[in-house]
Amino acid sequence: MLNFFSINHVAFTVLQYPMSYVEFLGTIFYIWSVWLIAQKKMLTWPVGIVSVILYAFLFYQIRLYSDFLEQLYYLGASVYGWWFWDKKKKEDQEIAVVRGTLKNNIFWLAGILIVSGFTGLLMGRIHLILPKIFPQPADFPFWDAFTTISSFAAMFLLARKRFESWLLWIVVDVIGIVLYYVKGVKFLSLLYVFLLLIALKGFLSWRSSLHSVPNPGDNRSTAHIGNGQ
């Protein structure tokens, strides 16, 4: 059973690149979940949970430890997002796309940069601190940490339907394209090209929703949308 999750368990080869089952299926479910969230579909959460589990196995084996820990966070965030959206649907409430204030956005950006710095330092030494769990040094610890922390923030904001979540995803996707290509997981790098396109689509779609129904009584721009089901 565990052999199925090994990166050495190859499903097929594309242009001399050995595609493992765990990378291929994780990618398929991930693309599906991102497309669903851009369409505001609740099904995104259970589909995303499957991709999270598969990617956790992948990232651990290629020593991107921040990305591995990121999947554990995604698991919890996906459960929360599923619960939150389902709760609103059962209450027959519309979920608003929300844009934060400038002050709030600066707070988030500063927090991401500070936490990323500390996380990068930790990941750079994690093989010394926990050698039995992480026997090899982490690769690109600071870039990996930045994309991880940015993804943490983006995932939380996405669950709350914050418009700025798509801006963070765009940054994460651009870095991911380069990082995974350098690491040799080229199919995953290609995935991030598609994710970037989906993130741009989500950005434009949610921005359109923001402009459709302004809320003059709030400091934030909002637009009411359906529950996606």
C-alpha atoms as a PDB file:
ATOM      1  CA  MET A   1       0.000   0.000   0.000  1.00  0.00           C
ATOM      2  CA  LEU A   2       2.727   2.456   0.979  1.00  0.00           C
ATOM      3  CA  ASN A   3       4.560   1.603  -2.225  1.00  0.00           C
ATOM      4  CA  PHE A   4       1.742   3.318  -4.110  1.00  0.00           C
ATOM      5  CA  PHE A   5       2.698   6.630  -2.472  1.00  0.00           C
ATOM      6  CA  SER A   6       6.387   6.280  -3.348  1.00  0.00           C
ATOM      7  CA  ILE A   7       7.832   8.667  -5.931  1.00  0.00           C
ATOM      8  CA  ASN A   8       9.627   5.622  -7.323  1.00  0.00           C
ATOM      9  CA  HIS A   9       6.316   3.940  -8.170  1.00  0.00           C
ATOM     10  CA  VAL A  10       6.104   5.220 -11.741  1.00  0.00           C
ATOM     11  CA  ALA A  11       2.772   5.362 -13.556  1.00  0.00           C
ATOM     12  CA  PHE A  12       4.166   6.372 -16.951  1.00  0.00           C
ATOM     13  CA  THR A  13       6.948   8.353 -18.585  1.00  0.00           C
ATOM     14  CA  VAL A  14       6.505  11.657 -20.416  1.00  0.00           C
ATOM     15  CA  LEU A  15       9.452  12.955 -22.468  1.00  0.00           C
ATOM     16  CA  GLN A  16      11.782  10.790 -20.371  1.00  0.00           C
ATOM     17  CA  TYR A  17      10.270  12.182 -17.156  1.00  0.00           C
ATOM     18  CA  PRO A  18       9.109   9.385 -14.807  1.00  0.00           C
ATOM     19  CA  MET A  19       5.651  10.292 -13.553  1.00  0.00           C
ATOM     20  CA  SER A  20       4.816   8.733 -10.198  1.00  0.00           C
ATOM     21  CA  TYR A  21       1.262   7.840  -9.263  1.00  0.00           C
ATOM     22  CA  VAL A  22       1.349  10.139  -6.247  1.00  0.00           C
ATOM     23  CA  GLU A  23       2.464  13.165  -8.294  1.00  0.00           C
ATOM     24  CA  PHE A  24       0.071  12.484 -11.163  1.00  0.00           C
ATOM     25  CA  LEU A  25      -3.053  11.889  -9.061  1.00  0.00           C
ATOM     26  CA  GLY A  26      -2.176  14.687  -6.643  1.00  0.00           C
ATOM     27  CA  THR A  27      -1.887  17.035  -9.605  1.00  0.00           C
ATOM     28  CA  ILE A  28      -5.201  15.957 -11.140  1.00  0.00           C
ATOM     29  CA  PHE A  29      -7.098  16.422  -7.892  1.00  0.00           C
ATOM     30  CA  TYR A  30      -5.341  19.729  -7.214  1.00  0.00           C
ATOM     31  CA  ILE A  31      -6.226  21.180 -10.626  1.00  0.00           C
ATOM     32  CA  TRP A  32      -9.800  20.023 -10.125  1.00  0.00           C
ATOM     33  CA  SER A  33     -10.051  21.617  -6.671  1.00  0.00           C
ATOM     34  CA  VAL A  34      -8.598  24.953  -7.828  1.00  0.00           C
ATOM     35  CA  TRP A  35     -10.969  25.069 -10.800  1.00  0.00           C
ATOM     36  CA  LEU A  36     -13.873  24.369  -8.441  1.00  0.00           C
ATOM     37  CA  ILE A  37     -12.885  27.161  -6.030  1.00  0.00           C
ATOM     38  CA  ALA A  38     -12.624  29.638  -8.905  1.00  0.00           C
ATOM     39  CA  GLN A  39     -16.210  28.614  -9.753  1.00  0.00           C
ATOM     40  CA  LYS A  40     -17.186  28.983  -6.072  1.00  0.00           C
ATOM     41  CA  LYS A  41     -18.203  25.303  -5.805  1.00  0.00           C
ATOM     42  CA  MET A  42     -18.356  23.625  -2.398  1.00  0.00           C
ATOM     43  CA  LEU A  43     -17.058  20.368  -3.894  1.00  0.00           C
ATOM     44  CA  THR A  44     -13.630  22.035  -3.935  1.00  0.00           C
ATOM     45  CA  TRP A  45     -13.067  21.105  -0.281  1.00  0.00           C
ATOM     46  CA  PRO A  46     -13.363  17.267  -0.365  1.00  0.00           C
ATOM     47  CA  VAL A  47     -11.507  17.152  -3.684  1.00  0.00           C
ATOM     48  CA  GLY A  48      -8.805  19.357  -2.199  1.00  0.00           C
ATOM     49  CA  ILE A  49      -8.424  17.072   0.814  1.00  0.00           C
ATOM     50  CA  VAL A  50      -7.520  14.169  -1.486  1.00  0.00           C
ATOM     51  CA  SER A  51      -4.852  16.253  -3.234  1.00  0.00           C
ATOM     52  CA  VAL A  52      -3.463  17.416   0.123  1.00  0.00           C
ATOM     53  CA  ILE A  53      -2.886  13.843   1.300  1.00  0.00           C
ATOM     54  CA  LEU A  54      -1.169  12.853  -1.939  1.00  0.00           C
ATOM     55  CA  TYR A  55       1.062  15.922  -1.990  1.00  0.00           C
ATOM     56  CA  ALA A  56       2.081  15.397   1.623  1.00  0.00           C
ATOM     57  CA  PHE A  57       3.670  12.095   0.585  1.00  0.00           C
ATOM     58  CA  LEU A  58       5.308  13.726  -2.444  1.00  0.00           C
ATOM     59  CA  PHE A  59       6.870  16.737  -0.710  1.00  0.00           C
ATOM     60  CA  TYR A  60       8.259  14.691   2.156  1.00  0.00           C
ATOM     61  CA  GLN A  61      10.092  12.437  -0.269  1.00  0.00           C
ATOM     62  CA  ILE A  62      11.631  15.307  -2.291  1.00  0.00           C
ATOM     63  CA  ARG A  63      12.689  17.108   0.925  1.00  0.00           C
ATOM     64  CA  LEU A  64      10.571  20.241   0.562  1.00  0.00           C
ATOM     65  CA  TYR A  65       9.704  20.102   4.247  1.00  0.00           C
ATOM     66  CA  SER A  66       7.912  23.442   4.424  1.00  0.00           C
ATOM     67  CA  ASP A  67       5.635  22.259   1.628  1.00  0.00           C
ATOM     68  CA  PHE A  68       5.098  18.995   3.510  1.00  0.00           C
ATOM     69  CA  LEU A  69       4.020  20.856   6.658  1.00  0.00           C
ATOM     70  CA  GLU A  70       1.915  23.114   4.461  1.00  0.00           C
ATOM     71  CA  GLN A  71      -0.213  20.137   3.459  1.00  0.00           C
ATOM     72  CA  LEU A  72      -1.038  19.449   7.102  1.00  0.00           C
ATOM     73  CA  TYR A  73      -2.288  23.013   7.401  1.00  0.00           C
ATOM     74  CA  TYR A  74      -4.249  22.668   4.167  1.00  0.00           C
ATOM     75  CA  LEU A  75      -5.966  19.623   5.588  1.00  0.00           C
ATOM     76  CA  GLY A  76      -7.247  21.597   8.563  1.00  0.00           C
ATOM     77  CA  ALA A  77      -8.068  24.660   6.447  1.00  0.00           C
ATOM     78  CA  SER A  78      -9.983  22.525   3.951  1.00  0.00           C
ATOM     79  CA  VAL A  79     -12.066  20.978   6.716  1.00  0.00           C
ATOM     80  CA  TYR A  80     -12.729  24.483   8.075  1.00  0.00           C
ATOM     81  CA  GLY A  81     -13.639  25.876   4.644  1.00  0.00           C
ATOM     82  CA  TRP A  82     -15.967  22.951   3.989  1.00  0.00           C
ATOM     83  CA  TRP A  83     -17.660  23.478   7.344  1.00  0.00           C
ATOM     84  CA  PHE A  84     -17.919  27.267   6.922  1.00  0.00           C
ATOM     85  CA  TRP A  85     -19.403  27.156   3.430  1.00  0.00           C
ATOM     86  CA  ASP A  86     -21.809  24.347   4.385  1.00  0.00           C
ATOM     87  CA  LYS A  87     -22.873  26.281   7.477  1.00  0.00           C
ATOM     88  CA  LYS A  88     -23.720  29.335   5.396  1.00  0.00           C
ATOM     89  CA  LYS A  89     -25.602  27.210   2.891  1.00  0.00           C
ATOM     90  CA  LYS A  90     -27.693  25.531   5.596  1.00  0.00           C
ATOM     91  CA  GLU A  91     -28.452  28.944   7.080  1.00  0.00           C
ATOM     92  CA  ASP A  92     -29.565  29.976   3.583  1.00  0.00           C
ATOM     93  CA  GLN A  93     -27.125  32.873   3.671  1.00  0.00           C
ATOM     94  CA  GLU A  94     -25.247  34.320   0.754  1.00  0.00           C
ATOM     95  CA  ILE A  95     -21.475  34.447   1.162  1.00  0.00           C
ATOM     96  CA  ALA A  96     -19.935  37.782   0.246  1.00  0.00           C
ATOM     97  CA  VAL A  97     -16.677  38.283  -1.604  1.00  0.00           C
ATOM     98  CA  VAL A  98     -14.839  40.755   0.611  1.00  0.00           C
ATOM     99  CA  ARG A  99     -11.962  43.160  -0.028  1.00  0.00           C
ATOM    100  CA  GLY A 100      -9.933  44.223   3.002  1.00  0.00           C
ATOM    101  CA  THR A 101      -8.835  47.725   3.910  1.00  0.00           C
ATOM    102  CA  LEU A 102      -5.331  48.994   3.089  1.00  0.00           C
ATOM    103  CA  LYS A 103      -4.368  48.786   6.767  1.00  0.00           C
ATOM    104  CA  ASN A 104      -5.543  45.197   6.995  1.00  0.00           C
ATOM    105  CA  ASN A 105      -3.686  44.207   3.830  1.00  0.00           C
ATOM    106  CA  ILE A 106      -0.438  45.788   5.083  1.00  0.00           C
ATOM    107  CA  PHE A 107      -0.856  43.841   8.319  1.00  0.00           C
ATOM    108  CA  TRP A 108      -1.180  40.577   6.398  1.00  0.00           C
ATOM    109  CA  LEU A 109       1.807  41.340   4.149  1.00  0.00           C
ATOM    110  CA  ALA A 110       4.060  42.259   7.072  1.00  0.00           C
ATOM    111  CA  GLY A 111       2.989  39.144   8.934  1.00  0.00           C
ATOM    112  CA  ILE A 112       3.744  36.924   5.937  1.00  0.00           C
ATOM    113  CA  LEU A 113       7.249  38.374   5.499  1.00  0.00           C
ATOM    114  CA  ILE A 114       8.158  38.160   9.191  1.00  0.00           C
ATOM    115  CA  VAL A 115       6.852  34.639   9.717  1.00  0.00           C
ATOM    116  CA  SER A 116       8.446  33.498   6.443  1.00  0.00           C
ATOM    117  CA  GLY A 117      11.836  34.729   7.634  1.00  0.00           C
ATOM    118  CA  PHE A 118      11.656  32.838  10.910  1.00  0.00           C
ATOM    119  CA  THR A 119      10.263  29.747   9.201  1.00  0.00           C
ATOM    120  CA  GLY A 120      13.072  29.804   6.638  1.00  0.00           C
ATOM    121  CA  LEU A 121      15.660  29.902   9.423  1.00  0.00           C
ATOM    122  CA  LEU A 122      13.956  26.982  11.150  1.00  0.00           C
ATOM    123  CA  MET A 123      13.637  24.898   7.986  1.00  0.00           C
ATOM    124  CA  GLY A 124      17.290  25.523   7.196  1.00  0.00           C
ATOM    125  CA  ARG A 125      18.200  23.752  10.440  1.00  0.00           C
ATOM    126  CA  ILE A 126      15.332  21.293  10.751  1.00  0.00           C
ATOM    127  CA  HIS A 127      17.559  18.360   9.781  1.00  0.00           C
ATOM    128  CA  LEU A 128      19.759  19.176  12.779  1.00  0.00           C
ATOM    129  CA  ILE A 129      16.846  19.636  15.172  1.00  0.00           C
ATOM    130  CA  LEU A 130      14.795  16.598  14.097  1.00  0.00           C
ATOM    131  CA  PRO A 131      17.222  14.342  12.214  1.00  0.00           C
ATOM    132  CA  LYS A 132      15.089  11.220  12.587  1.00  0.00           C
ATOM    133  CA  ILE A 133      12.094  12.858  10.933  1.00  0.00           C
ATOM    134  CA  PHE A 134      13.981  15.076   8.460  1.00  0.00           C
ATOM    135  CA  PRO A 135      17.265  13.252   7.736  1.00  0.00           C
ATOM    136  CA  GLN A 136      18.312  15.466   4.805  1.00  0.00           C
ATOM    137  CA  PRO A 137      18.824  19.265   4.691  1.00  0.00           C
ATOM    138  CA  ALA A 138      15.906  21.219   3.254  1.00  0.00           C
ATOM    139  CA  ASP A 139      16.336  22.672  -0.225  1.00  0.00           C
ATOM    140  CA  PHE A 140      15.651  26.390  -0.785  1.00  0.00           C
ATOM    141  CA  PRO A 141      14.375  26.836   2.794  1.00  0.00           C
ATOM    142  CA  PHE A 142      13.571  30.556   2.540  1.00  0.00           C
ATOM    143  CA  TRP A 143      11.771  30.447  -0.807  1.00  0.00           C
ATOM    144  CA  ASP A 144       9.977  27.312   0.310  1.00  0.00           C
ATOM    145  CA  ALA A 145       9.014  28.990   3.578  1.00  0.00           C
ATOM    146  CA  PHE A 146       7.744  32.119   1.822  1.00  0.00           C
ATOM    147  CA  THR A 147       5.488  30.170  -0.527  1.00  0.00           C
ATOM    148  CA  THR A 148       4.302  28.052   2.391  1.00  0.00           C
ATOM    149  CA  ILE A 149       3.389  30.972   4.660  1.00  0.00           C
ATOM    150  CA  SER A 150       1.844  32.872   1.751  1.00  0.00           C
ATOM    151  CA  SER A 151      -0.229  29.796   0.952  1.00  0.00           C
ATOM    152  CA  PHE A 152      -1.296  29.539   4.605  1.00  0.00           C
ATOM    153  CA  ALA A 153      -2.571  33.105   4.461  1.00  0.00           C
ATOM    154  CA  ALA A 154      -4.143  32.670   1.024  1.00  0.00           C
ATOM    155  CA  MET A 155      -5.955  29.503   2.072  1.00  0.00           C
ATOM    156  CA  PHE A 156      -7.443  31.159   5.162  1.00  0.00           C
ATOM    157  CA  LEU A 157      -8.462  34.243   3.188  1.00  0.00           C
ATOM    158  CA  LEU A 158      -9.931  32.029   0.472  1.00  0.00           C
ATOM    159  CA  ALA A 159     -12.076  30.175   3.001  1.00  0.00           C
ATOM    160  CA  ARG A 160     -13.365  33.581   4.140  1.00  0.00           C
ATOM    161  CA  LYS A 161     -13.832  34.627   0.486  1.00  0.00           C
ATOM    162  CA  ARG A 162     -11.335  37.470   0.661  1.00  0.00           C
ATOM    163  CA  PHE A 163     -10.544  38.881  -2.776  1.00  0.00           C
ATOM    164  CA  GLU A 164      -6.857  39.360  -1.922  1.00  0.00           C
ATOM    165  CA  SER A 165      -6.395  35.612  -1.639  1.00  0.00           C
ATOM    166  CA  TRP A 166      -6.032  35.435  -5.419  1.00  0.00           C
ATOM    167  CA  LEU A 167      -3.197  37.983  -5.411  1.00  0.00           C
ATOM    168  CA  LEU A 168      -1.294  35.772  -2.990  1.00  0.00           C
ATOM    169  CA  TRP A 169      -1.990  32.678  -5.077  1.00  0.00           C
ATOM    170  CA  ILE A 170      -0.611  34.433  -8.165  1.00  0.00           C
ATOM    171  CA  VAL A 171       2.665  35.207  -6.356  1.00  0.00           C
ATOM    172  CA  VAL A 172       2.881  31.652  -4.977  1.00  0.00           C
ATOM    173  CA  ASP A 173       2.248  30.147  -8.407  1.00  0.00           C
ATOM    174  CA  VAL A 174       4.964  32.209 -10.111  1.00  0.00           C
ATOM    175  CA  ILE A 175       7.551  31.164  -7.512  1.00  0.00           C
ATOM    176  CA  GLY A 176       6.297  27.578  -7.612  1.00  0.00           C
ATOM    177  CA  ILE A 177       6.840  27.344 -11.379  1.00  0.00           C
ATOM    178  CA  VAL A 178      10.537  28.119 -10.940  1.00  0.00           C
ATOM    179  CA  LEU A 179      11.087  26.238  -7.664  1.00  0.00           C
ATOM    180  CA  TYR A 180       9.615  22.930  -8.777  1.00  0.00           C
ATOM    181  CA  TYR A 181      11.327  23.091 -12.167  1.00  0.00           C
ATOM    182  CA  VAL A 182      14.690  23.497 -10.434  1.00  0.00           C
ATOM    183  CA  LYS A 183      13.813  20.614  -8.067  1.00  0.00           C
ATOM    184  CA  GLY A 184      13.184  18.362 -11.047  1.00  0.00           C
ATOM    185  CA  VAL A 185       9.448  17.797 -10.528  1.00  0.00           C
ATOM    186  CA  LYS A 186       8.677  19.273 -13.922  1.00  0.00           C
ATOM    187  CA  PHE A 187       5.109  18.035 -14.111  1.00  0.00           C
ATOM    188  CA  LEU A 188       4.409  19.886 -10.870  1.00  0.00           C
ATOM    189  CA  SER A 189       6.075  22.968 -12.354  1.00  0.00           C
ATOM    190  CA  LEU A 190       3.793  22.668 -15.369  1.00  0.00           C
ATOM    191  CA  LEU A 191       0.859  22.323 -13.005  1.00  0.00           C
ATOM    192  CA  TYR A 192       1.721  25.688 -11.504  1.00  0.00           C
ATOM    193  CA  VAL A 193       1.527  27.254 -14.957  1.00  0.00           C
ATOM    194  CA  PHE A 194      -2.085  26.063 -15.153  1.00  0.00           C
ATOM    195  CA  LEU A 195      -2.702  27.134 -11.562  1.00  0.00           C
ATOM    196  CA  LEU A 196      -1.419  30.594 -12.419  1.00  0.00           C
ATOM    197  CA  LEU A 197      -3.924  30.821 -15.267  1.00  0.00           C
ATOM    198  CA  ILE A 198      -6.727  29.645 -12.973  1.00  0.00           C
ATOM    199  CA  ALA A 199      -5.631  32.132 -10.296  1.00  0.00           C
ATOM    200  CA  LEU A 200      -5.789  34.932 -12.858  1.00  0.00           C
ATOM    201  CA  LYS A 201      -9.273  33.757 -13.834  1.00  0.00           C
ATOM    202  CA  GLY A 202     -10.322  33.628 -10.184  1.00  0.00           C
ATOM    203  CA  PHE A 203      -8.880  37.109  -9.627  1.00  0.00           C
ATOM    204  CA  LEU A 204     -10.855  38.566 -12.531  1.00  0.00           C
ATOM    205  CA  SER A 205     -14.031  36.682 -11.612  1.00  0.00           C
ATOM    206  CA  TRP A 206     -13.987  37.725  -7.962  1.00  0.00           C
ATOM    207  CA  ARG A 207     -13.041  41.305  -8.858  1.00  0.00           C
ATOM    208  CA  SER A 208     -16.085  41.422 -11.105  1.00  0.00           C
ATOM    209  CA  SER A 209     -18.207  40.221  -8.187  1.00  0.00           C
ATOM    210  CA  LEU A 210     -16.767  42.965  -6.012  1.00  0.00           C
ATOM    211  CA  HIS A 211     -17.796  45.627  -8.460  1.00  0.00           C
ATOM    212  CA  SER A 212     -21.273  44.229  -9.057  1.00  0.00           C
ATOM    213  CA  VAL A 213     -22.856  45.089  -5.700  1.00  0.00           C
ATOM    214  CA  PRO A 214     -21.014  47.813  -3.754  1.00  0.00           C
ATOM    215  CA  ASN A 215     -21.721  48.152  -0.053  1.00  0.00           C
ATOM    216  CA  PRO A 216     -21.466  51.875   0.823  1.00  0.00           C
ATOM    217  CA  GLY A 217     -22.035  51.214   4.504  1.00  0.00           C
ATOM    218  CA  ASP A 218     -18.771  49.311   4.916  1.00  0.00           C
ATOM    219  CA  ASN A 219     -15.084  50.153   4.572  1.00  0.00           C
ATOM    220  CA  ARG A 220     -14.717  47.017   2.512  1.00  0.00           C
ATOM    221  CA  SER A 221     -16.109  46.318  -0.947  1.00  0.00           C
ATOM    222  CA  THR A 222     -18.404  43.321  -1.019  1.00  0.00           C
ATOM    223  CA  ALA A 223     -20.590  41.477  -3.464  1.00  0.00           C
ATOM    224  CA  HIS A 224     -23.099  38.789  -2.616  1.00  0.00           C
ATOM    225  CA  ILE A 225     -22.730  35.505  -4.433  1.00  0.00           C
ATOM    226  CA  GLY A 226     -24.317  32.106  -4.215  1.00  0.00           C
ATOM    227  CA  ASN A 227     -23.009  29.152  -2.282  1.00  0.00           C
ATOM    228  CA  GLY A 228     -21.598  27.545  -5.431  1.00  0.00           C
ATOM    229  CA  GLN A 229     -23.874  24.530  -5.428  1.00  0.00           C
END
